Amino acid sequence: MQSARESLGRVVVALALALPVALGAAEAFGQAADGKQVFLGQKCNMCHSVKAAGIEATMKKAVDLPGGADKVQLRDYLQQKVEINGKKHPKKVTAGDAELTAVIDWVANQKK
């Protein structure tokens, strides 16, 4: 039979292993998220191209993302809080706050 101390130790280890997955590895270890990697990891490139970064949409084409976007509006749009051209973003982005900030900064800084 396990002691309470051994059981607690296993729980602590399990949480330590799960934390990077739950929060996003970069956030969990205090590292800045890479916007391009978040863009690709969230599969934004299925619908969106970023020609300045050499990224072409793999499936359907929604909109090229040339940069210069309003960051507040883009965040709200990705979280389906606002509409652009009468439509909400088709998929609510599930990235953590730091990852969402990283991808928005990366997209906004791309050149045409």
PDB file of N, CA and C in Angstrom:
ATOM      1  N   MET A   1       0.841  -1.182   0.000  1.00  0.00           N
ATOM      2  CA  MET A   1       0.000   0.000   0.000  1.00  0.00           C
ATOM      3  C   MET A   1       0.887   1.247   0.000  1.00  0.00           C
ATOM      4  N   GLN A   2       0.500   2.219  -0.824  1.00  0.00           N
ATOM      5  CA  GLN A   2       1.288   3.445  -0.906  1.00  0.00           C
ATOM      6  C   GLN A   2       0.989   4.350   0.281  1.00  0.00           C
ATOM      7  N   SER A   3       2.017   5.023   0.706  1.00  0.00           N
ATOM      8  CA  SER A   3       1.809   6.010   1.751  1.00  0.00           C
ATOM      9  C   SER A   3       1.242   7.278   1.121  1.00  0.00           C
ATOM     10  N   ALA A   4       0.681   8.117   1.944  1.00  0.00           N
ATOM     11  CA  ALA A   4       0.143   9.389   1.459  1.00  0.00           C
ATOM     12  C   ALA A   4       1.245  10.221   0.817  1.00  0.00           C
ATOM     13  N   ARG A   5       2.434  10.141   1.352  1.00  0.00           N
ATOM     14  CA  ARG A   5       3.567  10.904   0.823  1.00  0.00           C
ATOM     15  C   ARG A   5       3.934  10.426  -0.585  1.00  0.00           C
ATOM     16  N   GLU A   6       3.946   9.095  -0.806  1.00  0.00           N
ATOM     17  CA  GLU A   6       4.248   8.562  -2.131  1.00  0.00           C
ATOM     18  C   GLU A   6       3.180   8.954  -3.137  1.00  0.00           C
ATOM     19  N   SER A   7       1.912   8.897  -2.715  1.00  0.00           N
ATOM     20  CA  SER A   7       0.804   9.281  -3.596  1.00  0.00           C
ATOM     21  C   SER A   7       0.896  10.752  -3.977  1.00  0.00           C
ATOM     22  N   LEU A   8       1.192  11.596  -3.004  1.00  0.00           N
ATOM     23  CA  LEU A   8       1.344  13.017  -3.267  1.00  0.00           C
ATOM     24  C   LEU A   8       2.498  13.270  -4.223  1.00  0.00           C
ATOM     25  N   GLY A   9       3.585  12.545  -4.027  1.00  0.00           N
ATOM     26  CA  GLY A   9       4.741  12.685  -4.915  1.00  0.00           C
ATOM     27  C   GLY A   9       4.386  12.346  -6.346  1.00  0.00           C
ATOM     28  N   ARG A  10       3.596  11.303  -6.551  1.00  0.00           N
ATOM     29  CA  ARG A  10       3.180  10.912  -7.911  1.00  0.00           C
ATOM     30  C   ARG A  10       2.280  11.979  -8.539  1.00  0.00           C
ATOM     31  N   VAL A  11       1.403  12.555  -7.739  1.00  0.00           N
ATOM     32  CA  VAL A  11       0.530  13.617  -8.238  1.00  0.00           C
ATOM     33  C   VAL A  11       1.360  14.823  -8.655  1.00  0.00           C
ATOM     34  N   VAL A  12       2.332  15.194  -7.848  1.00  0.00           N
ATOM     35  CA  VAL A  12       3.193  16.339  -8.166  1.00  0.00           C
ATOM     36  C   VAL A  12       3.949  16.087  -9.470  1.00  0.00           C
ATOM     37  N   VAL A  13       4.483  14.890  -9.637  1.00  0.00           N
ATOM     38  CA  VAL A  13       5.207  14.556 -10.862  1.00  0.00           C
ATOM     39  C   VAL A  13       4.264  14.597 -12.065  1.00  0.00           C
ATOM     40  N   ALA A  14       3.064  14.057 -11.926  1.00  0.00           N
ATOM     41  CA  ALA A  14       2.093  14.063 -13.028  1.00  0.00           C
ATOM     42  C   ALA A  14       1.725  15.490 -13.423  1.00  0.00           C
ATOM     43  N   LEU A  15       1.511  16.351 -12.435  1.00  0.00           N
ATOM     44  CA  LEU A  15       1.190  17.751 -12.736  1.00  0.00           C
ATOM     45  C   LEU A  15       2.359  18.461 -13.406  1.00  0.00           C
ATOM     46  N   ALA A  16       3.556  18.190 -12.948  1.00  0.00           N
ATOM     47  CA  ALA A  16       4.744  18.816 -13.548  1.00  0.00           C
ATOM     48  C   ALA A  16       4.903  18.402 -15.004  1.00  0.00           C
ATOM     49  N   LEU A  17       4.554  17.167 -15.311  1.00  0.00           N
ATOM     50  CA  LEU A  17       4.649  16.699 -16.693  1.00  0.00           C
ATOM     51  C   LEU A  17       3.521  17.259 -17.556  1.00  0.00           C
ATOM     52  N   ALA A  18       2.347  17.453 -16.969  1.00  0.00           N
ATOM     53  CA  ALA A  18       1.192  17.936 -17.723  1.00  0.00           C
ATOM     54  C   ALA A  18       1.194  19.442 -17.905  1.00  0.00           C
ATOM     55  N   LEU A  19       1.822  20.188 -17.026  1.00  0.00           N
ATOM     56  CA  LEU A  19       1.787  21.646 -17.072  1.00  0.00           C
ATOM     57  C   LEU A  19       2.258  22.221 -18.405  1.00  0.00           C
ATOM     58  N   PRO A  20       3.377  21.792 -18.953  1.00  0.00           N
ATOM     59  CA  PRO A  20       3.788  22.358 -20.239  1.00  0.00           C
ATOM     60  C   PRO A  20       2.771  22.130 -21.344  1.00  0.00           C
ATOM     61  N   VAL A  21       2.085  21.007 -21.323  1.00  0.00           N
ATOM     62  CA  VAL A  21       1.066  20.734 -22.333  1.00  0.00           C
ATOM     63  C   VAL A  21      -0.141  21.625 -22.107  1.00  0.00           C
ATOM     64  N   ALA A  22      -0.562  21.769 -20.855  1.00  0.00           N
ATOM     65  CA  ALA A  22      -1.751  22.557 -20.547  1.00  0.00           C
ATOM     66  C   ALA A  22      -1.559  24.037 -20.828  1.00  0.00           C
ATOM     67  N   LEU A  23      -0.416  24.558 -20.541  1.00  0.00           N
ATOM     68  CA  LEU A  23      -0.183  25.993 -20.695  1.00  0.00           C
ATOM     69  C   LEU A  23       0.513  26.353 -21.993  1.00  0.00           C
ATOM     70  N   GLY A  24       1.014  25.402 -22.702  1.00  0.00           N
ATOM     71  CA  GLY A  24       1.862  25.682 -23.845  1.00  0.00           C
ATOM     72  C   GLY A  24       3.288  25.670 -23.321  1.00  0.00           C
ATOM     73  N   ALA A  25       4.142  24.901 -23.927  1.00  0.00           N
ATOM     74  CA  ALA A  25       5.492  24.711 -23.403  1.00  0.00           C
ATOM     75  C   ALA A  25       6.231  26.026 -23.204  1.00  0.00           C
ATOM     76  N   ALA A  26       6.110  26.952 -24.113  1.00  0.00           N
ATOM     77  CA  ALA A  26       6.829  28.216 -23.991  1.00  0.00           C
ATOM     78  C   ALA A  26       6.361  28.998 -22.772  1.00  0.00           C
ATOM     79  N   GLU A  27       5.042  29.064 -22.574  1.00  0.00           N
ATOM     80  CA  GLU A  27       4.516  29.801 -21.430  1.00  0.00           C
ATOM     81  C   GLU A  27       4.930  29.141 -20.122  1.00  0.00           C
ATOM     82  N   ALA A  28       4.892  27.821 -20.064  1.00  0.00           N
ATOM     83  CA  ALA A  28       5.187  27.105 -18.829  1.00  0.00           C
ATOM     84  C   ALA A  28       6.613  27.326 -18.373  1.00  0.00           C
ATOM     85  N   PHE A  29       7.541  27.495 -19.299  1.00  0.00           N
ATOM     86  CA  PHE A  29       8.935  27.651 -18.940  1.00  0.00           C
ATOM     87  C   PHE A  29       9.409  29.092 -19.092  1.00  0.00           C
ATOM     88  N   GLY A  30       8.468  30.036 -19.193  1.00  0.00           N
ATOM     89  CA  GLY A  30       8.809  31.444 -19.232  1.00  0.00           C
ATOM     90  C   GLY A  30       9.530  31.874 -20.494  1.00  0.00           C
ATOM     91  N   GLN A  31       9.381  31.122 -21.568  1.00  0.00           N
ATOM     92  CA  GLN A  31      10.022  31.481 -22.830  1.00  0.00           C
ATOM     93  C   GLN A  31       9.006  32.182 -23.712  1.00  0.00           C
ATOM     94  N   ALA A  32       9.487  33.054 -24.550  1.00  0.00           N
ATOM     95  CA  ALA A  32       8.611  33.728 -25.494  1.00  0.00           C
ATOM     96  C   ALA A  32       8.196  32.742 -26.575  1.00  0.00           C
ATOM     97  N   ALA A  33       6.929  32.749 -26.906  1.00  0.00           N
ATOM     98  CA  ALA A  33       6.427  31.889 -27.968  1.00  0.00           C
ATOM     99  C   ALA A  33       6.879  32.444 -29.314  1.00  0.00           C
ATOM    100  N   ASP A  34       7.108  31.571 -30.263  1.00  0.00           N
ATOM    101  CA  ASP A  34       7.497  31.939 -31.624  1.00  0.00           C
ATOM    102  C   ASP A  34       6.223  32.041 -32.452  1.00  0.00           C
ATOM    103  N   GLY A  35       5.901  33.259 -32.903  1.00  0.00           N
ATOM    104  CA  GLY A  35       4.661  33.502 -33.632  1.00  0.00           C
ATOM    105  C   GLY A  35       4.483  32.635 -34.860  1.00  0.00           C
ATOM    106  N   LYS A  36       5.544  32.445 -35.610  1.00  0.00           N
ATOM    107  CA  LYS A  36       5.452  31.610 -36.818  1.00  0.00           C
ATOM    108  C   LYS A  36       5.130  30.167 -36.431  1.00  0.00           C
ATOM    109  N   GLN A  37       5.762  29.665 -35.385  1.00  0.00           N
ATOM    110  CA  GLN A  37       5.506  28.293 -34.947  1.00  0.00           C
ATOM    111  C   GLN A  37       4.078  28.138 -34.414  1.00  0.00           C
ATOM    112  N   VAL A  38       3.583  29.164 -33.730  1.00  0.00           N
ATOM    113  CA  VAL A  38       2.197  29.128 -33.255  1.00  0.00           C
ATOM    114  C   VAL A  38       1.261  29.128 -34.453  1.00  0.00           C
ATOM    115  N   PHE A  39       1.533  29.966 -35.450  1.00  0.00           N
ATOM    116  CA  PHE A  39       0.729  30.036 -36.669  1.00  0.00           C
ATOM    117  C   PHE A  39       0.640  28.659 -37.317  1.00  0.00           C
ATOM    118  N   LEU A  40       1.767  27.999 -37.446  1.00  0.00           N
ATOM    119  CA  LEU A  40       1.795  26.676 -38.058  1.00  0.00           C
ATOM    120  C   LEU A  40       1.179  25.625 -37.132  1.00  0.00           C
ATOM    121  N   GLY A  41       1.448  25.729 -35.841  1.00  0.00           N
ATOM    122  CA  GLY A  41       0.912  24.768 -34.875  1.00  0.00           C
ATOM    123  C   GLY A  41      -0.599  24.833 -34.745  1.00  0.00           C
ATOM    124  N   GLN A  42      -1.163  26.015 -34.884  1.00  0.00           N
ATOM    125  CA  GLN A  42      -2.622  26.182 -34.834  1.00  0.00           C
ATOM    126  C   GLN A  42      -3.263  25.876 -36.193  1.00  0.00           C
ATOM    127  N   LYS A  43      -2.427  25.538 -37.164  1.00  0.00           N
ATOM    128  CA  LYS A  43      -2.861  25.187 -38.522  1.00  0.00           C
ATOM    129  C   LYS A  43      -3.547  26.349 -39.237  1.00  0.00           C
ATOM    130  N   CYS A  44      -3.107  27.569 -38.928  1.00  0.00           N
ATOM    131  CA  CYS A  44      -3.635  28.750 -39.605  1.00  0.00           C
ATOM    132  C   CYS A  44      -3.335  28.687 -41.104  1.00  0.00           C
ATOM    133  N   ASN A  45      -2.236  28.003 -41.442  1.00  0.00           N
ATOM    134  CA  ASN A  45      -1.817  27.909 -42.846  1.00  0.00           C
ATOM    135  C   ASN A  45      -2.725  26.994 -43.666  1.00  0.00           C
ATOM    136  N   MET A  46      -3.706  26.362 -43.061  1.00  0.00           N
ATOM    137  CA  MET A  46      -4.666  25.614 -43.859  1.00  0.00           C
ATOM    138  C   MET A  46      -5.496  26.587 -44.703  1.00  0.00           C
ATOM    139  N   CYS A  47      -5.784  27.754 -44.147  1.00  0.00           N
ATOM    140  CA  CYS A  47      -6.633  28.726 -44.844  1.00  0.00           C
ATOM    141  C   CYS A  47      -5.897  30.000 -45.232  1.00  0.00           C
ATOM    142  N   HIS A  48      -4.804  30.315 -44.541  1.00  0.00           N
ATOM    143  CA  HIS A  48      -4.146  31.602 -44.743  1.00  0.00           C
ATOM    144  C   HIS A  48      -2.723  31.445 -45.254  1.00  0.00           C
ATOM    145  N   SER A  49      -2.368  32.319 -46.185  1.00  0.00           N
ATOM    146  CA  SER A  49      -0.995  32.416 -46.682  1.00  0.00           C
ATOM    147  C   SER A  49      -0.325  33.618 -46.050  1.00  0.00           C
ATOM    148  N   VAL A  50       0.976  33.529 -45.863  1.00  0.00           N
ATOM    149  CA  VAL A  50       1.794  34.677 -45.460  1.00  0.00           C
ATOM    150  C   VAL A  50       2.967  34.658 -46.422  1.00  0.00           C
ATOM    151  N   LYS A  51       2.781  35.323 -47.540  1.00  0.00           N
ATOM    152  CA  LYS A  51       3.773  35.263 -48.616  1.00  0.00           C
ATOM    153  C   LYS A  51       5.145  35.760 -48.183  1.00  0.00           C
ATOM    154  N   ALA A  52       5.186  36.776 -47.322  1.00  0.00           N
ATOM    155  CA  ALA A  52       6.464  37.321 -46.866  1.00  0.00           C
ATOM    156  C   ALA A  52       7.277  36.276 -46.106  1.00  0.00           C
ATOM    157  N   ALA A  53       6.598  35.299 -45.513  1.00  0.00           N
ATOM    158  CA  ALA A  53       7.284  34.242 -44.759  1.00  0.00           C
ATOM    159  C   ALA A  53       7.378  32.952 -45.566  1.00  0.00           C
ATOM    160  N   GLY A  54       6.927  32.994 -46.818  1.00  0.00           N
ATOM    161  CA  GLY A  54       6.985  31.809 -47.664  1.00  0.00           C
ATOM    162  C   GLY A  54       5.962  30.748 -47.298  1.00  0.00           C
ATOM    163  N   ILE A  55       4.857  31.156 -46.698  1.00  0.00           N
ATOM    164  CA  ILE A  55       3.820  30.209 -46.275  1.00  0.00           C
ATOM    165  C   ILE A  55       2.634  30.327 -47.216  1.00  0.00           C
ATOM    166  N   GLU A  56       2.261  29.213 -47.814  1.00  0.00           N
ATOM    167  CA  GLU A  56       1.096  29.145 -48.687  1.00  0.00           C
ATOM    168  C   GLU A  56       0.005  28.323 -47.999  1.00  0.00           C
ATOM    169  N   ALA A  57      -1.239  28.708 -48.208  1.00  0.00           N
ATOM    170  CA  ALA A  57      -2.363  27.960 -47.655  1.00  0.00           C
ATOM    171  C   ALA A  57      -2.353  26.546 -48.222  1.00  0.00           C
ATOM    172  N   THR A  58      -2.632  25.553 -47.382  1.00  0.00           N
ATOM    173  CA  THR A  58      -2.585  24.165 -47.827  1.00  0.00           C
ATOM    174  C   THR A  58      -3.927  23.645 -48.324  1.00  0.00           C
ATOM    175  N   MET A  59      -5.021  24.240 -47.904  1.00  0.00           N
ATOM    176  CA  MET A  59      -6.328  23.749 -48.331  1.00  0.00           C
ATOM    177  C   MET A  59      -7.117  24.852 -49.017  1.00  0.00           C
ATOM    178  N   LYS A  60      -7.997  25.450 -48.277  1.00  0.00           N
ATOM    179  CA  LYS A  60      -8.798  26.510 -48.854  1.00  0.00           C
ATOM    180  C   LYS A  60      -8.125  27.850 -48.615  1.00  0.00           C
ATOM    181  N   LYS A  61      -8.428  28.791 -49.435  1.00  0.00           N
ATOM    182  CA  LYS A  61      -7.795  30.097 -49.340  1.00  0.00           C
ATOM    183  C   LYS A  61      -8.801  31.080 -48.767  1.00  0.00           C
ATOM    184  N   ALA A  62      -8.511  31.622 -47.607  1.00  0.00           N
ATOM    185  CA  ALA A  62      -9.380  32.629 -47.023  1.00  0.00           C
ATOM    186  C   ALA A  62      -8.824  33.997 -47.373  1.00  0.00           C
ATOM    187  N   VAL A  63      -7.680  34.320 -46.796  1.00  0.00           N
ATOM    188  CA  VAL A  63      -7.126  35.653 -46.946  1.00  0.00           C
ATOM    189  C   VAL A  63      -5.628  35.591 -46.751  1.00  0.00           C
ATOM    190  N   ASP A  64      -4.895  36.304 -47.586  1.00  0.00           N
ATOM    191  CA  ASP A  64      -3.468  36.470 -47.338  1.00  0.00           C
ATOM    192  C   ASP A  64      -3.327  37.379 -46.126  1.00  0.00           C
ATOM    193  N   LEU A  65      -2.315  37.136 -45.345  1.00  0.00           N
ATOM    194  CA  LEU A  65      -2.066  37.951 -44.162  1.00  0.00           C
ATOM    195  C   LEU A  65      -0.788  38.742 -44.385  1.00  0.00           C
ATOM    196  N   PRO A  66      -0.916  39.937 -44.966  1.00  0.00           N
ATOM    197  CA  PRO A  66       0.276  40.692 -45.338  1.00  0.00           C
ATOM    198  C   PRO A  66       0.933  41.457 -44.213  1.00  0.00           C
ATOM    199  N   GLY A  67       0.300  41.579 -43.085  1.00  0.00           N
ATOM    200  CA  GLY A  67       0.870  42.352 -41.993  1.00  0.00           C
ATOM    201  C   GLY A  67       0.227  43.716 -41.893  1.00  0.00           C
ATOM    202  N   GLY A  68       0.648  44.448 -40.885  1.00  0.00           N
ATOM    203  CA  GLY A  68       0.098  45.776 -40.664  1.00  0.00           C
ATOM    204  C   GLY A  68      -1.301  45.748 -40.063  1.00  0.00           C
ATOM    205  N   ALA A  69      -1.732  44.597 -39.573  1.00  0.00           N
ATOM    206  CA  ALA A  69      -3.073  44.469 -39.013  1.00  0.00           C
ATOM    207  C   ALA A  69      -3.171  45.186 -37.669  1.00  0.00           C
ATOM    208  N   ASP A  70      -4.375  45.663 -37.347  1.00  0.00           N
ATOM    209  CA  ASP A  70      -4.641  46.237 -36.036  1.00  0.00           C
ATOM    210  C   ASP A  70      -4.649  45.089 -35.034  1.00  0.00           C
ATOM    211  N   LYS A  71      -3.732  45.113 -34.078  1.00  0.00           N
ATOM    212  CA  LYS A  71      -3.530  43.979 -33.176  1.00  0.00           C
ATOM    213  C   LYS A  71      -4.731  43.716 -32.269  1.00  0.00           C
ATOM    214  N   VAL A  72      -5.369  44.771 -31.777  1.00  0.00           N
ATOM    215  CA  VAL A  72      -6.521  44.590 -30.886  1.00  0.00           C
ATOM    216  C   VAL A  72      -7.684  43.985 -31.666  1.00  0.00           C
ATOM    217  N   GLN A  73      -7.928  44.508 -32.852  1.00  0.00           N
ATOM    218  CA  GLN A  73      -9.017  43.980 -33.667  1.00  0.00           C
ATOM    219  C   GLN A  73      -8.735  42.527 -34.070  1.00  0.00           C
ATOM    220  N   LEU A  74      -7.490  42.221 -34.412  1.00  0.00           N
ATOM    221  CA  LEU A  74      -7.132  40.866 -34.808  1.00  0.00           C
ATOM    222  C   LEU A  74      -7.332  39.887 -33.639  1.00  0.00           C
ATOM    223  N   ARG A  75      -6.916  40.271 -32.435  1.00  0.00           N
ATOM    224  CA  ARG A  75      -7.117  39.412 -31.254  1.00  0.00           C
ATOM    225  C   ARG A  75      -8.605  39.138 -31.043  1.00  0.00           C
ATOM    226  N   ASP A  76      -9.408  40.192 -31.073  1.00  0.00           N
ATOM    227  CA  ASP A  76     -10.848  40.035 -30.869  1.00  0.00           C
ATOM    228  C   ASP A  76     -11.476  39.180 -31.966  1.00  0.00           C
ATOM    229  N   TYR A  77     -11.012  39.350 -33.188  1.00  0.00           N
ATOM    230  CA  TYR A  77     -11.531  38.565 -34.313  1.00  0.00           C
ATOM    231  C   TYR A  77     -11.175  37.086 -34.145  1.00  0.00           C
ATOM    232  N   LEU A  78      -9.933  36.801 -33.776  1.00  0.00           N
ATOM    233  CA  LEU A  78      -9.508  35.414 -33.604  1.00  0.00           C
ATOM    234  C   LEU A  78     -10.232  34.736 -32.443  1.00  0.00           C
ATOM    235  N   GLN A  79     -10.667  35.528 -31.471  1.00  0.00           N
ATOM    236  CA  GLN A  79     -11.415  34.989 -30.336  1.00  0.00           C
ATOM    237  C   GLN A  79     -12.924  35.058 -30.578  1.00  0.00           C
ATOM    238  N   GLN A  80     -13.310  35.377 -31.799  1.00  0.00           N
ATOM    239  CA  GLN A  80     -14.702  35.448 -32.252  1.00  0.00           C
ATOM    240  C   GLN A  80     -15.535  36.451 -31.453  1.00  0.00           C
ATOM    241  N   LYS A  81     -14.898  37.556 -31.040  1.00  0.00           N
ATOM    242  CA  LYS A  81     -15.607  38.603 -30.301  1.00  0.00           C
ATOM    243  C   LYS A  81     -16.156  39.676 -31.233  1.00  0.00           C
ATOM    244  N   VAL A  82     -15.539  39.838 -32.407  1.00  0.00           N
ATOM    245  CA  VAL A  82     -15.976  40.851 -33.363  1.00  0.00           C
ATOM    246  C   VAL A  82     -16.051  40.230 -34.766  1.00  0.00           C
ATOM    247  N   GLU A  83     -16.753  40.944 -35.627  1.00  0.00           N
ATOM    248  CA  GLU A  83     -16.846  40.528 -37.022  1.00  0.00           C
ATOM    249  C   GLU A  83     -15.977  41.435 -37.880  1.00  0.00           C
ATOM    250  N   ILE A  84     -15.476  40.895 -38.962  1.00  0.00           N
ATOM    251  CA  ILE A  84     -14.799  41.676 -39.987  1.00  0.00           C
ATOM    252  C   ILE A  84     -15.520  41.370 -41.292  1.00  0.00           C
ATOM    253  N   ASN A  85     -15.925  42.416 -41.989  1.00  0.00           N
ATOM    254  CA  ASN A  85     -16.713  42.271 -43.218  1.00  0.00           C
ATOM    255  C   ASN A  85     -17.966  41.427 -42.981  1.00  0.00           C
ATOM    256  N   GLY A  86     -18.578  41.613 -41.819  1.00  0.00           N
ATOM    257  CA  GLY A  86     -19.825  40.932 -41.503  1.00  0.00           C
ATOM    258  C   GLY A  86     -19.689  39.472 -41.110  1.00  0.00           C
ATOM    259  N   LYS A  87     -18.466  38.997 -40.885  1.00  0.00           N
ATOM    260  CA  LYS A  87     -18.274  37.587 -40.536  1.00  0.00           C
ATOM    261  C   LYS A  87     -17.321  37.440 -39.362  1.00  0.00           C
ATOM    262  N   LYS A  88     -17.584  36.429 -38.542  1.00  0.00           N
ATOM    263  CA  LYS A  88     -16.661  36.075 -37.473  1.00  0.00           C
ATOM    264  C   LYS A  88     -15.638  35.088 -38.019  1.00  0.00           C
ATOM    265  N   HIS A  89     -14.482  35.024 -37.377  1.00  0.00           N
ATOM    266  CA  HIS A  89     -13.475  34.043 -37.783  1.00  0.00           C
ATOM    267  C   HIS A  89     -14.111  32.657 -37.648  1.00  0.00           C
ATOM    268  N   PRO A  90     -13.934  31.792 -38.636  1.00  0.00           N
ATOM    269  CA  PRO A  90     -14.622  30.496 -38.616  1.00  0.00           C
ATOM    270  C   PRO A  90     -14.203  29.572 -37.475  1.00  0.00           C
ATOM    271  N   LYS A  91     -13.018  29.755 -36.935  1.00  0.00           N
ATOM    272  CA  LYS A  91     -12.526  28.869 -35.876  1.00  0.00           C
ATOM    273  C   LYS A  91     -11.991  29.728 -34.737  1.00  0.00           C
ATOM    274  N   LYS A  92     -12.473  29.473 -33.537  1.00  0.00           N
ATOM    275  CA  LYS A  92     -11.948  30.194 -32.374  1.00  0.00           C
ATOM    276  C   LYS A  92     -10.550  29.669 -32.083  1.00  0.00           C
ATOM    277  N   VAL A  93      -9.590  30.557 -32.017  1.00  0.00           N
ATOM    278  CA  VAL A  93      -8.207  30.174 -31.764  1.00  0.00           C
ATOM    279  C   VAL A  93      -8.078  29.739 -30.313  1.00  0.00           C
ATOM    280  N   THR A  94      -7.434  28.592 -30.097  1.00  0.00           N
ATOM    281  CA  THR A  94      -7.348  27.999 -28.760  1.00  0.00           C
ATOM    282  C   THR A  94      -5.991  28.222 -28.099  1.00  0.00           C
ATOM    283  N   ALA A  95      -5.136  29.018 -28.701  1.00  0.00           N
ATOM    284  CA  ALA A  95      -3.806  29.269 -28.144  1.00  0.00           C
ATOM    285  C   ALA A  95      -3.921  30.019 -26.823  1.00  0.00           C
ATOM    286  N   GLY A  96      -2.924  29.834 -25.968  1.00  0.00           N
ATOM    287  CA  GLY A  96      -2.848  30.581 -24.727  1.00  0.00           C
ATOM    288  C   GLY A  96      -2.566  32.046 -25.006  1.00  0.00           C
ATOM    289  N   ASP A  97      -2.669  32.880 -23.981  1.00  0.00           N
ATOM    290  CA  ASP A  97      -2.515  34.324 -24.158  1.00  0.00           C
ATOM    291  C   ASP A  97      -1.151  34.701 -24.742  1.00  0.00           C
ATOM    292  N   ALA A  98      -0.071  34.111 -24.218  1.00  0.00           N
ATOM    293  CA  ALA A  98       1.268  34.438 -24.734  1.00  0.00           C
ATOM    294  C   ALA A  98       1.438  33.978 -26.174  1.00  0.00           C
ATOM    295  N   GLU A  99       0.887  32.807 -26.498  1.00  0.00           N
ATOM    296  CA  GLU A  99       0.984  32.309 -27.869  1.00  0.00           C
ATOM    297  C   GLU A  99       0.151  33.165 -28.815  1.00  0.00           C
ATOM    298  N   LEU A 100      -1.039  33.568 -28.368  1.00  0.00           N
ATOM    299  CA  LEU A 100      -1.892  34.418 -29.193  1.00  0.00           C
ATOM    300  C   LEU A 100      -1.211  35.757 -29.454  1.00  0.00           C
ATOM    301  N   THR A 101      -0.606  36.335 -28.426  1.00  0.00           N
ATOM    302  CA  THR A 101       0.129  37.584 -28.593  1.00  0.00           C
ATOM    303  C   THR A 101       1.279  37.401 -29.575  1.00  0.00           C
ATOM    304  N   ALA A 102       2.002  36.293 -29.458  1.00  0.00           N
ATOM    305  CA  ALA A 102       3.140  36.041 -30.347  1.00  0.00           C
ATOM    306  C   ALA A 102       2.708  35.940 -31.798  1.00  0.00           C
ATOM    307  N   VAL A 103       1.631  35.216 -32.068  1.00  0.00           N
ATOM    308  CA  VAL A 103       1.195  35.056 -33.461  1.00  0.00           C
ATOM    309  C   VAL A 103       0.647  36.374 -34.020  1.00  0.00           C
ATOM    310  N   ILE A 104      -0.049  37.136 -33.188  1.00  0.00           N
ATOM    311  CA  ILE A 104      -0.562  38.436 -33.647  1.00  0.00           C
ATOM    312  C   ILE A 104       0.587  39.390 -33.953  1.00  0.00           C
ATOM    313  N   ASP A 105       1.580  39.435 -33.061  1.00  0.00           N
ATOM    314  CA  ASP A 105       2.750  40.290 -33.315  1.00  0.00           C
ATOM    315  C   ASP A 105       3.473  39.859 -34.584  1.00  0.00           C
ATOM    316  N   TRP A 106       3.625  38.555 -34.769  1.00  0.00           N
ATOM    317  CA  TRP A 106       4.328  38.036 -35.942  1.00  0.00           C
ATOM    318  C   TRP A 106       3.574  38.400 -37.224  1.00  0.00           C
ATOM    319  N   VAL A 107       2.252  38.182 -37.246  1.00  0.00           N
ATOM    320  CA  VAL A 107       1.450  38.502 -38.433  1.00  0.00           C
ATOM    321  C   VAL A 107       1.500  40.010 -38.704  1.00  0.00           C
ATOM    322  N   ALA A 108       1.345  40.811 -37.650  1.00  0.00           N
ATOM    323  CA  ALA A 108       1.316  42.266 -37.821  1.00  0.00           C
ATOM    324  C   ALA A 108       2.651  42.808 -38.336  1.00  0.00           C
ATOM    325  N   ASN A 109       3.755  42.099 -38.087  1.00  0.00           N
ATOM    326  CA  ASN A 109       5.078  42.572 -38.515  1.00  0.00           C
ATOM    327  C   ASN A 109       5.516  42.037 -39.872  1.00  0.00           C
ATOM    328  N   GLN A 110       4.684  41.251 -40.533  1.00  0.00           N
ATOM    329  CA  GLN A 110       5.046  40.737 -41.849  1.00  0.00           C
ATOM    330  C   GLN A 110       4.937  41.861 -42.883  1.00  0.00           C
ATOM    331  N   LYS A 111       5.798  41.819 -43.852  1.00  0.00           N
ATOM    332  CA  LYS A 111       5.795  42.815 -44.935  1.00  0.00           C
ATOM    333  C   LYS A 111       5.029  42.250 -46.121  1.00  0.00           C
ATOM    334  N   LYS A 112       4.470  43.141 -46.914  1.00  0.00           N
ATOM    335  CA  LYS A 112       3.765  42.703 -48.125  1.00  0.00           C
ATOM    336  C   LYS A 112       4.749  42.163 -49.132  1.00  0.00           C
TER     337      LYS A 112
END
